[in-house]
């Protein structure tokens, strides 16, 4: 079983064994495919039933206080992505019908707490939070006056290795960083970071693709031996999804190679022959990768000689009528993690999903803090692109005196940003006028500094430009 955990190193767990980054060879003797019979897919009715009963099971995992967060490590908060994919809003999930403890409200309060996620956070904490907050209907950049998950994530940008988030050896942190930044859009449905930022991580994911078309959890770029190693089903699904979330089309050569790798691992039951054997989580991650790239997991390419697809396998793993999914075909009880991965995949989603509007009276479509709280420290994500040098990416911490701030104040605060070096000089250094030079690059003719907020329309950059809580601030030099 695979899952993005709160630790920096990837880990895997099974119901009977605590796992920690164990590498084992792929099981030998995978069943060969034969001619594909026609119409060998799960029916819409079967899929609808799977979604309905799966939601019922995930609702049963909610604690009496309304929480899905169970502590450190693996957590049931991933249920939000599956619930959203299946058409259920987190704000409508309540323990015993108590709306004051609805899952979205409780999760938002947990994310906004000063002590979350821990005293020693890692980048995957913020990636997990971003993907699940979005699916729960919480604007990840505006969780609260002191919590901007997008800024928290970009603080782990690796200046010495652009494109990576967190230590590059833990490649999964970069994959889920790209998934979070590309997939967790604004409430209006647009990407909140510039495409130039996504493109750098897209190139990084490409550089880590193995010669067999797949990916593993660890870094392989620049290492021919690592690139020649056999790939992992789960990480291949996540990596191909990250590319498509980052703007790569499903027809791209890297995506096609990943698809072909997965095709080669399909066995008679519709499962993928993962290093953990046939299991729900590996199938779920692979199918979510296909879903994210617009590739039909029930098409002829993914129908086995026995007439089974990956969706058939997942639905066969689901207990009836309980709705939970088992991890292994031989298991006799459902697994919370397998149930999330299975339902999200069957429902047609990648690794997050656009939240449906709540049906509960008075619940807004999105939960978000709309302005700075004067005197309360806040974080903003900042991207600086001079058109030639590597991008400067950082999280800026400032303490506004009003409900909005200015670009000048953001740039001044960037002197102590994380990582360092995002802004080294600004002209003018005071006042409210047009920014004529940044980091030594000065306006020249038609080439000037422009600013956009949440990947909106670029405008002339001035120190007086108004910046709101949660805005991703992007400065770009050009004509």
Protein backbone atom coordinates (compact mmCIF):
# COMPACT_ATOMS: atom_id res chain seq x y z
CA UNK A 1 0.00 0.00 0.00
CA UNK A 2 1.28 3.42 -0.78
CA UNK A 3 0.36 6.78 0.59
CA UNK A 4 1.84 10.24 0.85
CA UNK A 5 2.76 10.45 4.50
CA UNK A 6 3.87 13.25 6.76
CA UNK A 7 7.47 12.07 6.70
CA UNK A 8 10.15 13.19 4.29
CA UNK A 9 11.03 9.67 3.23
CA UNK A 10 8.41 7.66 1.38
CA UNK A 11 6.85 4.85 3.34
CA UNK A 12 4.52 2.03 2.61
CA UNK A 13 2.26 0.13 4.93
CA UNK A 14 0.18 -2.97 4.77
CA UNK A 15 -2.51 -3.91 7.27
CA UNK A 16 -0.19 -6.46 8.85
CA UNK A 17 3.20 -4.83 8.56
CA UNK A 18 4.72 -1.44 9.23
CA UNK A 19 6.79 -0.64 6.16
CA UNK A 20 9.57 1.82 5.53
CA UNK A 21 10.84 2.28 2.00
CA UNK A 22 11.43 -1.42 1.33
CA UNK A 23 12.49 -2.19 -2.22
CA UNK A 24 11.56 -5.61 -3.56
CA UNK A 25 11.62 -7.00 -7.08
CA UNK A 26 8.41 -7.08 -9.07
CA UNK A 27 6.64 -10.38 -8.76
CA UNK A 28 7.62 -12.78 -11.50
CA UNK A 29 5.24 -14.65 -13.71
CA UNK A 30 2.76 -11.93 -14.57
CA UNK A 31 -0.07 -13.29 -16.67
CA UNK A 32 0.33 -12.54 -20.33
CA UNK A 33 -2.40 -10.69 -22.18
CA UNK A 34 -4.31 -12.28 -25.02
CA UNK A 35 -6.81 -10.92 -27.52
CA UNK A 36 -9.10 -8.34 -25.94
CA UNK A 37 -12.81 -9.20 -25.90
CA UNK A 38 -15.32 -6.45 -26.63
CA UNK A 39 -17.28 -4.52 -24.01
CA UNK A 40 -15.40 -5.85 -21.01
CA UNK A 41 -15.92 -2.90 -18.67
CA UNK A 42 -17.64 -2.12 -15.40
CA UNK A 43 -21.07 -0.69 -16.13
CA UNK A 44 -22.22 2.82 -15.16
CA UNK A 45 -24.60 1.22 -12.67
CA UNK A 46 -21.78 -0.71 -11.02
CA UNK A 47 -19.67 2.41 -10.84
CA UNK A 48 -22.53 4.43 -9.33
CA UNK A 49 -23.12 1.77 -6.69
CA UNK A 50 -19.41 1.63 -5.90
CA UNK A 51 -19.33 5.40 -5.41
CA UNK A 52 -22.46 5.48 -3.25
CA UNK A 53 -21.43 2.68 -0.92
CA UNK A 54 -17.84 3.92 -0.85
CA UNK A 55 -19.02 7.29 0.41
CA UNK A 56 -21.07 5.56 3.10
CA UNK A 57 -17.98 3.72 4.30
CA UNK A 58 -15.79 6.84 4.33
CA UNK A 59 -18.42 8.70 6.32
CA UNK A 60 -18.18 5.97 8.94
CA UNK A 61 -14.51 6.86 9.47
CA UNK A 62 -15.34 10.32 10.83
CA UNK A 63 -14.56 10.70 14.54
CA UNK A 64 -17.12 11.93 17.03
CA UNK A 65 -15.47 15.38 17.04
CA UNK A 66 -15.89 15.63 13.26
CA UNK A 67 -12.25 14.94 12.48
CA UNK A 68 -10.64 12.77 9.86
CA UNK A 69 -7.11 13.50 11.10
CA UNK A 70 -5.91 10.67 13.29
CA UNK A 71 -2.51 11.93 14.33
CA UNK A 72 0.96 11.66 12.84
CA UNK A 73 1.82 9.57 9.81
CA UNK A 74 -0.94 8.23 7.60
CA UNK A 75 -4.23 9.96 8.09
CA UNK A 76 -7.83 9.56 6.99
CA UNK A 77 -7.90 13.17 5.78
CA UNK A 78 -7.23 11.77 2.31
CA UNK A 79 -10.90 10.82 2.42
CA UNK A 80 -11.71 14.39 1.31
CA UNK A 81 -10.27 13.76 -2.16
CA UNK A 82 -12.37 10.61 -2.59
CA UNK A 83 -15.53 12.18 -1.16
CA UNK A 84 -15.22 15.15 -3.52
CA UNK A 85 -14.59 12.89 -6.50
CA UNK A 86 -17.73 10.94 -5.62
CA UNK A 87 -19.80 14.12 -5.35
CA UNK A 88 -19.97 14.61 -1.56
CA UNK A 89 -18.94 17.91 0.02
CA UNK A 90 -16.89 17.71 3.21
CA UNK A 91 -19.14 20.38 4.75
CA UNK A 92 -22.04 17.93 4.44
CA UNK A 93 -20.22 15.18 6.37
CA UNK A 94 -21.21 15.47 10.02
CA UNK A 95 -21.03 13.14 13.06
CA UNK A 96 -24.56 12.33 14.11
CA UNK A 97 -25.91 15.17 11.98
CA UNK A 98 -24.20 17.89 14.06
CA UNK A 99 -23.39 20.72 11.60
CA UNK A 100 -21.08 22.43 14.12
CA UNK A 101 -18.70 19.51 13.70
CA UNK A 102 -18.81 19.18 9.93
CA UNK A 103 -15.65 17.72 8.41
CA UNK A 104 -14.64 20.86 6.52
CA UNK A 105 -14.90 23.15 9.54
CA UNK A 106 -12.95 20.79 11.78
CA UNK A 107 -10.24 20.18 9.19
CA UNK A 108 -9.84 23.89 8.51
CA UNK A 109 -9.39 24.57 12.21
CA UNK A 110 -6.76 21.84 12.41
CA UNK A 111 -4.82 23.21 9.45
CA UNK A 112 -4.98 26.77 10.81
CA UNK A 113 -3.68 25.82 14.25
CA UNK A 114 -0.20 27.29 14.97
CA UNK A 115 1.15 23.88 16.01
CA UNK A 116 0.14 22.10 12.80
CA UNK A 117 1.64 19.99 11.35
CA UNK A 118 4.44 19.45 13.88
CA UNK A 119 7.57 20.96 15.34
CA UNK A 120 9.58 19.45 12.47
CA UNK A 121 7.40 19.70 9.35
CA UNK A 122 8.42 18.39 5.95
CA UNK A 123 7.23 19.42 2.52
CA UNK A 124 4.82 16.51 2.12
CA UNK A 125 2.85 17.80 5.11
CA UNK A 126 1.97 20.92 3.15
CA UNK A 127 1.38 19.06 -0.10
CA UNK A 128 -1.02 16.68 1.60
CA UNK A 129 -2.74 19.61 3.27
CA UNK A 130 -3.04 21.54 0.00
CA UNK A 131 -4.56 18.66 -1.97
CA UNK A 132 -7.02 17.74 0.75
CA UNK A 133 -7.97 21.29 1.75
CA UNK A 134 -8.83 21.97 -1.87
CA UNK A 135 -10.97 18.83 -2.11
CA UNK A 136 -12.69 19.78 1.16
CA UNK A 137 -13.67 23.18 -0.24
CA UNK A 138 -11.05 25.17 1.69
CA UNK A 139 -8.95 27.67 -0.25
CA UNK A 140 -5.43 26.33 0.49
CA UNK A 141 -3.89 29.80 0.33
CA UNK A 142 -6.48 31.31 2.67
CA UNK A 143 -7.03 28.70 5.36
CA UNK A 144 -6.70 31.38 8.02
CA UNK A 145 -4.91 34.68 8.62
CA UNK A 146 -1.71 32.84 9.50
CA UNK A 147 -1.97 29.80 7.21
CA UNK A 148 -1.20 29.84 3.50
CA UNK A 149 -0.44 26.29 2.39
CA UNK A 150 0.80 27.40 -1.03
CA UNK A 151 3.40 29.65 0.59
CA UNK A 152 4.27 26.92 3.08
CA UNK A 153 4.92 24.56 0.16
CA UNK A 154 7.07 26.91 -1.95
CA UNK A 155 9.25 27.59 1.09
CA UNK A 156 10.76 24.16 0.29
CA UNK A 157 11.87 25.20 -3.22
CA UNK A 158 15.42 23.99 -3.79
CA UNK A 159 17.40 26.96 -5.08
CA UNK A 160 20.42 24.80 -5.90
CA UNK A 161 18.22 22.27 -7.76
CA UNK A 162 15.38 24.26 -9.31
CA UNK A 163 12.20 22.27 -9.78
CA UNK A 164 12.55 20.13 -6.65
CA UNK A 165 10.54 20.65 -3.47
CA UNK A 166 12.28 19.36 -0.39
CA UNK A 167 15.40 17.18 -0.56
CA UNK A 168 15.76 16.00 -4.15
CA UNK A 169 16.55 12.44 -3.00
CA UNK A 170 12.91 12.19 -1.91
CA UNK A 171 11.51 12.61 -5.40
CA UNK A 172 7.96 12.02 -4.20
CA UNK A 173 8.04 15.44 -2.53
CA UNK A 174 8.55 17.06 -5.91
CA UNK A 175 5.85 14.99 -7.62
CA UNK A 176 3.28 15.91 -5.00
CA UNK A 177 4.46 19.51 -5.02
CA UNK A 178 3.63 19.68 -8.72
CA UNK A 179 0.33 17.86 -8.12
CA UNK A 180 -0.60 20.37 -5.42
CA UNK A 181 0.40 23.53 -7.28
CA UNK A 182 -1.11 22.37 -10.57
CA UNK A 183 -4.22 20.69 -9.19
CA UNK A 184 -5.36 22.88 -6.29
CA UNK A 185 -6.78 25.74 -8.34
CA UNK A 186 -8.38 28.95 -7.19
CA UNK A 187 -12.09 28.94 -6.30
CA UNK A 188 -12.76 30.38 -9.77
CA UNK A 189 -11.06 27.36 -11.36
CA UNK A 190 -7.83 28.91 -12.60
CA UNK A 191 -4.28 27.89 -11.76
CA UNK A 192 -2.94 30.07 -8.97
CA UNK A 193 0.75 29.93 -9.85
CA UNK A 194 2.49 30.97 -13.10
CA UNK A 195 2.99 28.31 -15.74
CA UNK A 196 6.70 29.10 -15.69
CA UNK A 197 6.87 27.73 -12.15
CA UNK A 198 5.03 24.55 -13.08
CA UNK A 199 7.22 24.10 -16.15
CA UNK A 200 10.41 23.87 -14.09
CA UNK A 201 9.04 20.99 -12.03
CA UNK A 202 7.58 19.37 -15.15
CA UNK A 203 11.12 19.29 -16.56
CA UNK A 204 12.35 17.79 -13.29
CA UNK A 205 9.75 15.02 -13.39
CA UNK A 206 10.70 14.28 -17.00
CA UNK A 207 14.36 14.02 -16.04
CA UNK A 208 13.50 11.35 -13.45
CA UNK A 209 11.52 9.09 -15.81
CA UNK A 210 13.07 5.63 -16.00
CA UNK A 211 13.93 3.95 -19.26
CA UNK A 212 10.97 1.58 -18.83
CA UNK A 213 8.61 4.58 -18.86
CA UNK A 214 7.79 4.71 -15.15
CA UNK A 215 9.09 6.35 -11.99
CA UNK A 216 10.15 5.45 -8.44
CA UNK A 217 9.98 7.38 -5.18
CA UNK A 218 13.66 8.28 -5.18
CA UNK A 219 15.63 10.59 -7.45
CA UNK A 220 17.01 9.02 -10.62
CA UNK A 221 17.89 12.04 -12.77
CA UNK A 222 21.50 12.03 -13.93
CA UNK A 223 22.11 8.46 -12.73
CA UNK A 224 22.03 5.92 -15.58
CA UNK A 225 21.95 3.00 -13.16
CA UNK A 226 18.95 4.39 -11.30
CA UNK A 227 17.17 5.30 -14.53
CA UNK A 228 17.58 1.71 -15.74
CA UNK A 229 15.96 0.22 -12.63
CA UNK A 230 12.45 -1.15 -12.77
CA UNK A 231 9.73 1.36 -11.93
CA UNK A 232 7.00 1.38 -9.33
CA UNK A 233 3.30 1.21 -10.29
CA UNK A 234 2.16 3.65 -7.62
CA UNK A 235 4.72 6.35 -8.28
CA UNK A 236 4.22 6.04 -12.00
CA UNK A 237 0.56 6.91 -11.52
CA UNK A 238 1.42 9.89 -9.33
CA UNK A 239 4.20 11.17 -11.60
CA UNK A 240 2.16 10.99 -14.80
CA UNK A 241 -0.68 12.76 -12.98
CA UNK A 242 1.73 15.48 -11.89
CA UNK A 243 2.79 16.08 -15.48
CA UNK A 244 -0.80 16.43 -16.64
CA UNK A 245 -1.69 18.62 -13.65
CA UNK A 246 1.28 20.76 -14.67
CA UNK A 247 -0.14 21.34 -18.14
CA UNK A 248 1.33 18.43 -20.14
CA UNK A 249 -1.19 16.84 -22.56
CA UNK A 250 -2.05 13.17 -22.37
CA UNK A 251 -0.52 12.69 -25.82
CA UNK A 252 2.94 13.80 -24.65
CA UNK A 253 5.69 11.24 -25.18
CA UNK A 254 6.47 10.98 -21.45
CA UNK A 255 2.81 10.32 -20.62
CA UNK A 256 2.50 7.77 -23.43
CA UNK A 257 5.61 5.97 -22.16
CA UNK A 258 4.10 5.84 -18.67
CA UNK A 259 0.83 4.54 -20.06
CA UNK A 260 2.69 1.83 -21.94
CA UNK A 261 4.60 0.87 -18.79
CA UNK A 262 1.31 0.41 -16.95
CA UNK A 263 -0.18 -1.53 -19.86
CA UNK A 264 2.72 -3.95 -19.62
CA UNK A 265 1.95 -4.61 -15.94
CA UNK A 266 -1.75 -5.43 -16.39
CA UNK A 267 -2.71 -8.98 -15.34
CA UNK A 268 -5.80 -11.08 -15.96
CA UNK A 269 -7.79 -9.75 -12.98
CA UNK A 270 -7.41 -6.14 -14.14
CA UNK A 271 -4.83 -5.48 -11.43
CA UNK A 272 -1.37 -4.09 -12.05
CA UNK A 273 1.52 -6.36 -11.09
CA UNK A 274 3.09 -4.09 -8.49
CA UNK A 275 6.04 -4.82 -6.22
CA UNK A 276 3.43 -5.41 -3.52
CA UNK A 277 1.42 -7.81 -5.65
CA UNK A 278 -2.12 -7.12 -6.81
CA UNK A 279 -3.60 -4.57 -4.40
CA UNK A 280 -6.13 -1.77 -4.29
CA UNK A 281 -3.73 1.07 -3.52
CA UNK A 282 -1.39 0.40 -6.43
CA UNK A 283 -4.36 0.07 -8.78
CA UNK A 284 -5.88 3.22 -7.34
CA UNK A 285 -2.74 5.30 -7.86
CA UNK A 286 -2.27 3.95 -11.40
CA UNK A 287 -5.89 4.64 -12.34
CA UNK A 288 -5.72 8.13 -10.80
CA UNK A 289 -2.71 8.78 -13.03
CA UNK A 290 -4.65 7.65 -16.07
CA UNK A 291 -7.66 9.71 -15.01
CA UNK A 292 -5.56 12.86 -14.57
CA UNK A 293 -4.22 12.48 -18.10
CA UNK A 294 -7.58 11.78 -19.71
CA UNK A 295 -6.74 8.15 -20.48
CA UNK A 296 -9.64 5.71 -20.18
CA UNK A 297 -8.78 2.98 -17.64
CA UNK A 298 -11.55 0.86 -19.17
CA UNK A 299 -10.50 1.21 -22.78
CA UNK A 300 -9.23 -1.63 -24.94
CA UNK A 301 -5.63 -0.87 -23.93
CA UNK A 302 -6.48 -1.62 -20.30
CA UNK A 303 -8.71 -4.65 -20.77
CA UNK A 304 -6.99 -7.94 -20.00
CA UNK A 305 -7.29 -11.12 -21.98
CA UNK A 306 -9.74 -12.29 -19.34
CA UNK A 307 -11.97 -9.27 -20.04
CA UNK A 308 -11.13 -7.33 -16.86
CA UNK A 309 -10.08 -3.72 -16.42
CA UNK A 310 -8.43 -1.91 -13.49
CA UNK A 311 -11.88 -0.59 -12.54
CA UNK A 312 -13.25 -4.14 -12.52
CA UNK A 313 -10.46 -5.11 -10.13
CA UNK A 314 -11.16 -2.18 -7.82
CA UNK A 315 -14.88 -2.83 -7.67
CA UNK A 316 -14.17 -6.51 -6.96
CA UNK A 317 -12.09 -5.35 -3.99
CA UNK A 318 -15.05 -3.53 -2.46
CA UNK A 319 -17.12 -5.13 0.27
CA UNK A 320 -20.82 -5.30 -0.42
CA UNK A 321 -22.91 -3.82 1.02
CA UNK A 322 -20.45 -2.12 3.42
CA UNK A 323 -18.63 -0.10 0.76
CA UNK A 324 -15.09 -0.34 2.13
CA UNK A 325 -12.26 -1.64 -0.04
CA UNK A 326 -9.82 -4.34 1.03
CA UNK A 327 -6.12 -3.92 0.38
CA UNK A 328 -5.27 -7.43 -0.83
CA UNK A 329 -7.69 -9.79 -2.57
CA UNK A 330 -7.25 -12.23 0.33
CA UNK A 331 -8.11 -9.69 3.05
CA UNK A 332 -11.33 -10.11 5.03
CA UNK A 333 -11.70 -6.58 6.40
CA UNK A 334 -11.65 -3.18 4.69
CA UNK A 335 -8.73 -0.75 4.84
CA UNK A 336 -9.31 2.98 5.24
CA UNK A 337 -6.41 3.85 2.94
CA UNK A 338 -7.41 1.33 0.29
CA UNK A 339 -10.95 2.64 0.45
CA UNK A 340 -9.79 6.18 -0.27
CA UNK A 341 -7.50 5.16 -3.13
CA UNK A 342 -10.08 2.82 -4.59
CA UNK A 343 -13.04 5.18 -4.43
CA UNK A 344 -11.14 8.19 -5.76
CA UNK A 345 -10.00 6.15 -8.77
CA UNK A 346 -13.39 4.58 -9.48
CA UNK A 347 -14.95 8.04 -9.27
CA UNK A 348 -12.67 9.24 -12.06
CA UNK A 349 -10.32 11.58 -10.18
CA UNK A 350 -6.60 12.14 -10.07
CA UNK A 351 -5.03 12.95 -6.69
CA UNK A 352 -7.49 15.65 -5.71
CA UNK A 353 -10.89 16.74 -6.97
CA UNK A 354 -12.88 19.93 -7.37
CA UNK A 355 -15.22 20.07 -4.37
CA UNK A 356 -18.95 19.93 -5.00
CA UNK A 357 -21.08 22.70 -3.52
CA UNK A 358 -22.44 21.81 -0.06
CA UNK A 359 -26.14 21.11 0.25
CA UNK A 360 -26.27 22.14 3.93
CA UNK A 361 -28.07 25.43 4.46
CA UNK A 362 -25.78 28.39 4.98
CA UNK A 363 -22.59 26.60 3.92
CA UNK A 364 -20.67 28.55 1.26
CA UNK A 365 -19.12 26.85 -1.73
CA UNK A 366 -15.67 27.72 -0.39
CA UNK A 367 -14.29 28.41 3.06
CA UNK A 368 -11.63 31.13 3.02
CA UNK A 369 -10.31 34.04 5.06
CA UNK A 370 -10.77 37.18 2.98
CA UNK A 371 -8.26 39.62 4.45
CA UNK A 372 -5.16 40.01 6.57
CA UNK A 373 -5.64 40.45 10.29
CA UNK A 374 -3.67 43.59 11.24
CA UNK A 375 -0.76 42.68 13.50
CA UNK A 376 -0.92 38.95 12.64
CA UNK A 377 2.00 37.46 10.72
CA UNK A 378 1.08 35.99 7.33
CA UNK A 379 2.87 34.24 4.49
CA UNK A 380 2.70 34.84 0.73
CA UNK A 381 4.18 32.87 -2.16
CA UNK A 382 6.47 34.94 -4.41
CA UNK A 383 7.89 34.08 -7.85
CA UNK A 384 10.42 36.33 -9.61
CA UNK A 385 11.28 35.70 -13.28
CA UNK A 386 13.74 37.96 -15.12
CA UNK A 387 13.42 35.91 -18.30
CA UNK A 388 16.97 34.55 -18.33
CA UNK A 389 18.13 33.42 -14.88
CA UNK A 390 16.54 30.53 -12.96
CA UNK A 391 13.29 31.44 -11.25
CA UNK A 392 13.46 32.89 -7.76
CA UNK A 393 10.79 31.23 -5.63
CA UNK A 394 10.13 31.80 -1.94
CA UNK A 395 7.70 32.27 0.91
CA UNK A 396 7.57 35.80 2.31
CA UNK A 397 6.49 36.42 5.90
CA UNK A 398 5.17 39.86 6.81
CA UNK A 399 2.92 41.45 9.43
CA UNK A 400 0.44 43.77 7.71
CA UNK A 401 -1.04 46.80 9.41
CA UNK A 402 -4.28 46.57 7.42
CA UNK A 403 -6.52 44.01 5.73
CA UNK A 404 -4.48 44.36 2.53
CA UNK A 405 -0.81 45.09 1.89
CA UNK A 406 1.26 46.45 -0.99
CA UNK A 407 3.75 44.97 -3.40
CA UNK A 408 6.40 47.28 -1.94
CA UNK A 409 5.86 45.84 1.52
CA UNK A 410 6.02 42.30 0.14
CA UNK A 411 9.30 42.98 -1.63
CA UNK A 412 10.75 44.64 1.46
CA UNK A 413 9.82 41.62 3.57
CA UNK A 414 11.34 39.29 0.95
CA UNK A 415 14.79 40.25 2.23
CA UNK A 416 14.27 37.54 4.85
CA UNK A 417 12.24 35.11 2.73
CA UNK A 418 12.55 31.32 2.68
CA UNK A 419 14.57 30.22 0.78
CA UNK A 420 16.89 33.21 0.83
CA UNK A 421 17.87 35.25 -2.22
CA UNK A 422 14.44 35.71 -3.75
CA UNK A 423 14.78 39.51 -3.74
CA UNK A 424 18.18 41.16 -3.42
CA UNK A 425 17.40 44.73 -4.51
CA UNK A 426 14.41 46.89 -5.47
CA UNK A 427 14.30 50.29 -7.17
CA UNK A 428 12.75 52.46 -5.87
CA UNK A 429 13.40 51.26 -2.34
CA UNK A 430 10.62 53.40 -0.83
CA UNK A 431 7.46 55.18 -1.83
CA UNK A 432 4.67 53.99 -4.12
CA UNK A 433 6.09 54.43 -7.62
CA UNK A 434 6.70 52.09 -10.53
CA UNK A 435 9.32 49.41 -9.95
CA UNK A 436 12.11 50.24 -12.37
CA UNK A 437 14.63 47.58 -11.35
CA UNK A 438 14.54 44.30 -9.45
CA UNK A 439 17.49 42.08 -8.55
CA UNK A 440 19.71 44.19 -10.80
CA UNK A 441 17.51 43.93 -13.91
CA UNK A 442 16.26 47.37 -14.95
CA UNK A 443 13.36 48.38 -17.17
CA UNK A 444 14.56 49.05 -20.71
CA UNK A 445 12.29 50.25 -23.49
CA UNK A 446 9.32 47.88 -23.86
CA UNK A 447 10.87 45.39 -21.42
CA UNK A 448 9.55 46.18 -17.95
CA UNK A 449 8.63 44.48 -14.69
CA UNK A 450 5.01 43.33 -14.49
CA UNK A 451 3.08 41.72 -11.66
CA UNK A 452 0.19 39.31 -11.56
CA UNK A 453 -1.69 37.91 -8.60
CA UNK A 454 -2.87 34.29 -8.59
CA UNK A 455 -1.77 33.97 -12.22
CA UNK A 456 -4.13 36.75 -13.27
CA UNK A 457 -3.64 39.51 -15.83
CA UNK A 458 -0.15 41.06 -15.68
CA UNK A 459 -0.03 44.79 -14.94
CA UNK A 460 2.75 47.31 -14.47
CA UNK A 461 4.50 46.57 -11.17
CA UNK A 462 4.34 49.44 -8.71
CA UNK A 463 5.18 49.53 -5.04
CA UNK A 464 1.59 50.62 -4.45
CA UNK A 465 0.04 47.56 -6.14
CA UNK A 466 -2.52 46.10 -3.72
CA UNK A 467 -1.84 42.55 -2.52
CA UNK A 468 -4.45 40.47 -0.71
CA UNK A 469 -4.21 37.65 1.79
CA UNK A 470 -3.30 34.43 0.00
CA UNK A 471 -2.27 35.97 -3.31
CA UNK A 472 0.52 34.23 -5.17
CA UNK A 473 2.64 37.20 -6.25
CA UNK A 474 4.44 36.76 -9.55
CA UNK A 475 6.84 39.29 -11.03
CA UNK A 476 8.07 38.86 -14.59
CA UNK A 477 10.39 40.96 -16.70
CA UNK A 478 9.66 41.33 -20.40
CA UNK A 479 7.75 43.19 -23.07
